Amino acid sequence: MTDFTDRRKGEEAKYAMDEETAFKVAARRNRLLGEWAAGLMGLTEEETDAYKKAVMQADFEEAGDEDVIRKLLGDLTAAECDVSEADIRAKLEEMTVQARRQLMEQS
């Protein structure tokens, strides 16, 4: 019985660690996306910092990435940047890989 309990505790710990890692990757990815979008919009350094935080906050509106995509698309369209939803989705995937790589390098 102890083996089963130990195994269950190990699986719970792994799940918690996986969730924490996923959260850190998403947060870093959103910061990177905010920085990319701010560059396209020509924001100042201070505006870029605020915009990165706004993109990170947008991710808490609903589960998944649609809230972040919607924010970026709306803001980039309003700033008259020539970026499509497909461009944003591709950049999101690219930044996810970059964020994961950065976190692995820190470990």
C-alpha atoms as a PDB file:
ATOM      1  CA  MET A   1       0.000   0.000   0.000  1.00  0.00           C
ATOM      2  CA  THR A   2       2.884   2.356   0.714  1.00  0.00           C
ATOM      3  CA  ASP A   3       4.209   1.916  -2.836  1.00  0.00           C
ATOM      4  CA  PHE A   4       0.868   3.024  -4.268  1.00  0.00           C
ATOM      5  CA  THR A   5       0.763   6.056  -1.974  1.00  0.00           C
ATOM      6  CA  ASP A   6       4.342   6.989  -2.866  1.00  0.00           C
ATOM      7  CA  ARG A   7       3.577   6.635  -6.559  1.00  0.00           C
ATOM      8  CA  ARG A   8       0.459   8.811  -6.239  1.00  0.00           C
ATOM      9  CA  LYS A   9       2.411  11.498  -4.376  1.00  0.00           C
ATOM     10  CA  GLY A  10       5.112  11.392  -7.036  1.00  0.00           C
ATOM     11  CA  GLU A  11       2.555  11.806  -9.812  1.00  0.00           C
ATOM     12  CA  GLU A  12       0.908  14.697  -7.983  1.00  0.00           C
ATOM     13  CA  ALA A  13       4.271  16.409  -7.541  1.00  0.00           C
ATOM     14  CA  LYS A  14       5.098  15.933 -11.235  1.00  0.00           C
ATOM     15  CA  TYR A  15       1.712  17.340 -12.244  1.00  0.00           C
ATOM     16  CA  ALA A  16       2.230  20.393 -10.025  1.00  0.00           C
ATOM     17  CA  MET A  17       5.703  20.952 -11.466  1.00  0.00           C
ATOM     18  CA  ASP A  18       4.410  20.586 -15.040  1.00  0.00           C
ATOM     19  CA  GLU A  19       1.654  23.126 -14.371  1.00  0.00           C
ATOM     20  CA  GLU A  20       4.096  25.589 -12.843  1.00  0.00           C
ATOM     21  CA  THR A  21       6.434  25.221 -15.811  1.00  0.00           C
ATOM     22  CA  ALA A  22       3.570  25.733 -18.276  1.00  0.00           C
ATOM     23  CA  PHE A  23       2.558  28.905 -16.431  1.00  0.00           C
ATOM     24  CA  LYS A  24       6.121  30.257 -16.484  1.00  0.00           C
ATOM     25  CA  VAL A  25       6.490  29.493 -20.197  1.00  0.00           C
ATOM     26  CA  ALA A  26       3.183  31.222 -21.007  1.00  0.00           C
ATOM     27  CA  ALA A  27       4.083  34.301 -18.941  1.00  0.00           C
ATOM     28  CA  ARG A  28       7.494  34.625 -20.569  1.00  0.00           C
ATOM     29  CA  ARG A  29       5.992  34.007 -24.016  1.00  0.00           C
ATOM     30  CA  ASN A  30       3.427  36.744 -23.433  1.00  0.00           C
ATOM     31  CA  ARG A  31       6.157  39.185 -22.396  1.00  0.00           C
ATOM     32  CA  LEU A  32       8.104  38.344 -25.546  1.00  0.00           C
ATOM     33  CA  LEU A  33       4.968  38.774 -27.673  1.00  0.00           C
ATOM     34  CA  GLY A  34       4.281  42.127 -26.029  1.00  0.00           C
ATOM     35  CA  GLU A  35       7.814  43.264 -26.777  1.00  0.00           C
ATOM     36  CA  TRP A  36       7.502  42.147 -30.421  1.00  0.00           C
ATOM     37  CA  ALA A  37       4.152  43.915 -30.872  1.00  0.00           C
ATOM     38  CA  ALA A  38       5.402  47.061 -29.123  1.00  0.00           C
ATOM     39  CA  GLY A  39       8.304  47.161 -31.564  1.00  0.00           C
ATOM     40  CA  LEU A  40       5.908  46.974 -34.507  1.00  0.00           C
ATOM     41  CA  MET A  41       3.824  49.785 -33.034  1.00  0.00           C
ATOM     42  CA  GLY A  42       6.883  51.950 -32.349  1.00  0.00           C
ATOM     43  CA  LEU A  43       6.295  52.290 -28.615  1.00  0.00           C
ATOM     44  CA  THR A  44       8.815  53.915 -26.302  1.00  0.00           C
ATOM     45  CA  GLU A  45      10.697  51.885 -23.694  1.00  0.00           C
ATOM     46  CA  GLU A  46       8.261  52.887 -20.939  1.00  0.00           C
ATOM     47  CA  GLU A  47       5.250  52.177 -23.151  1.00  0.00           C
ATOM     48  CA  THR A  48       6.777  48.821 -24.103  1.00  0.00           C
ATOM     49  CA  ASP A  49       7.136  47.814 -20.451  1.00  0.00           C
ATOM     50  CA  ALA A  50       3.507  48.734 -19.783  1.00  0.00           C
ATOM     51  CA  TYR A  51       2.351  46.966 -22.935  1.00  0.00           C
ATOM     52  CA  LYS A  52       4.167  43.738 -22.028  1.00  0.00           C
ATOM     53  CA  LYS A  53       2.312  43.755 -18.698  1.00  0.00           C
ATOM     54  CA  ALA A  54      -0.987  44.399 -20.477  1.00  0.00           C
ATOM     55  CA  VAL A  55      -0.430  41.414 -22.765  1.00  0.00           C
ATOM     56  CA  MET A  56       0.353  39.240 -19.742  1.00  0.00           C
ATOM     57  CA  GLN A  57      -2.852  40.455 -18.048  1.00  0.00           C
ATOM     58  CA  ALA A  58      -4.893  39.695 -21.168  1.00  0.00           C
ATOM     59  CA  ASP A  59      -3.972  36.020 -20.807  1.00  0.00           C
ATOM     60  CA  PHE A  60      -6.028  35.808 -17.602  1.00  0.00           C
ATOM     61  CA  GLU A  61      -9.312  36.709 -19.331  1.00  0.00           C
ATOM     62  CA  GLU A  62     -10.062  33.162 -20.484  1.00  0.00           C
ATOM     63  CA  ALA A  63      -8.406  29.779 -20.829  1.00  0.00           C
ATOM     64  CA  GLY A  64      -6.218  29.285 -23.880  1.00  0.00           C
ATOM     65  CA  ASP A  65      -4.433  31.713 -26.132  1.00  0.00           C
ATOM     66  CA  GLU A  66      -7.393  33.340 -27.882  1.00  0.00           C
ATOM     67  CA  ASP A  67      -7.520  36.268 -25.443  1.00  0.00           C
ATOM     68  CA  VAL A  68      -3.872  37.135 -26.122  1.00  0.00           C
ATOM     69  CA  ILE A  69      -4.309  36.776 -29.887  1.00  0.00           C
ATOM     70  CA  ARG A  70      -7.422  38.960 -29.799  1.00  0.00           C
ATOM     71  CA  LYS A  71      -5.593  41.684 -27.824  1.00  0.00           C
ATOM     72  CA  LEU A  72      -2.565  41.697 -30.092  1.00  0.00           C
ATOM     73  CA  LEU A  73      -4.648  41.671 -33.263  1.00  0.00           C
ATOM     74  CA  GLY A  74      -6.846  44.504 -32.010  1.00  0.00           C
ATOM     75  CA  ASP A  75      -3.932  46.651 -30.877  1.00  0.00           C
ATOM     76  CA  LEU A  76      -1.831  46.038 -33.991  1.00  0.00           C
ATOM     77  CA  THR A  77      -4.804  46.716 -36.262  1.00  0.00           C
ATOM     78  CA  ALA A  78      -5.579  49.942 -34.372  1.00  0.00           C
ATOM     79  CA  ALA A  79      -1.937  50.984 -34.821  1.00  0.00           C
ATOM     80  CA  GLU A  80      -2.281  50.286 -38.553  1.00  0.00           C
ATOM     81  CA  CYS A  81       0.372  47.564 -38.537  1.00  0.00           C
ATOM     82  CA  ASP A  82       0.150  45.114 -41.414  1.00  0.00           C
ATOM     83  CA  VAL A  83      -0.114  41.927 -39.337  1.00  0.00           C
ATOM     84  CA  SER A  84      -2.639  39.134 -39.775  1.00  0.00           C
ATOM     85  CA  GLU A  85      -4.029  36.709 -37.238  1.00  0.00           C
ATOM     86  CA  ALA A  86      -1.940  33.977 -38.894  1.00  0.00           C
ATOM     87  CA  ASP A  87       1.194  36.102 -38.368  1.00  0.00           C
ATOM     88  CA  ILE A  88       0.339  36.480 -34.693  1.00  0.00           C
ATOM     89  CA  ARG A  89      -0.323  32.748 -34.283  1.00  0.00           C
ATOM     90  CA  ALA A  90       3.022  31.938 -35.941  1.00  0.00           C
ATOM     91  CA  LYS A  91       4.817  34.427 -33.681  1.00  0.00           C
ATOM     92  CA  LEU A  92       3.031  32.927 -30.664  1.00  0.00           C
ATOM     93  CA  GLU A  93       4.416  29.484 -31.521  1.00  0.00           C
ATOM     94  CA  GLU A  94       7.881  30.917 -32.130  1.00  0.00           C
ATOM     95  CA  MET A  95       7.862  32.779 -28.823  1.00  0.00           C
ATOM     96  CA  THR A  96       6.633  29.683 -26.977  1.00  0.00           C
ATOM     97  CA  VAL A  97       9.700  27.797 -28.167  1.00  0.00           C
ATOM     98  CA  GLN A  98      11.948  30.735 -27.288  1.00  0.00           C
ATOM     99  CA  ALA A  99      10.386  31.097 -23.823  1.00  0.00           C
ATOM    100  CA  ARG A 100      10.800  27.390 -23.094  1.00  0.00           C
ATOM    101  CA  ARG A 101      14.425  27.538 -24.255  1.00  0.00           C
ATOM    102  CA  GLN A 102      15.131  30.544 -22.027  1.00  0.00           C
ATOM    103  CA  LEU A 103      13.629  28.827 -18.991  1.00  0.00           C
ATOM    104  CA  MET A 104      15.644  25.666 -19.638  1.00  0.00           C
ATOM    105  CA  GLU A 105      18.835  27.720 -19.874  1.00  0.00           C
ATOM    106  CA  GLN A 106      18.082  29.291 -16.486  1.00  0.00           C
ATOM    107  CA  SER A 107      17.604  25.922 -14.805  1.00  0.00           C
END
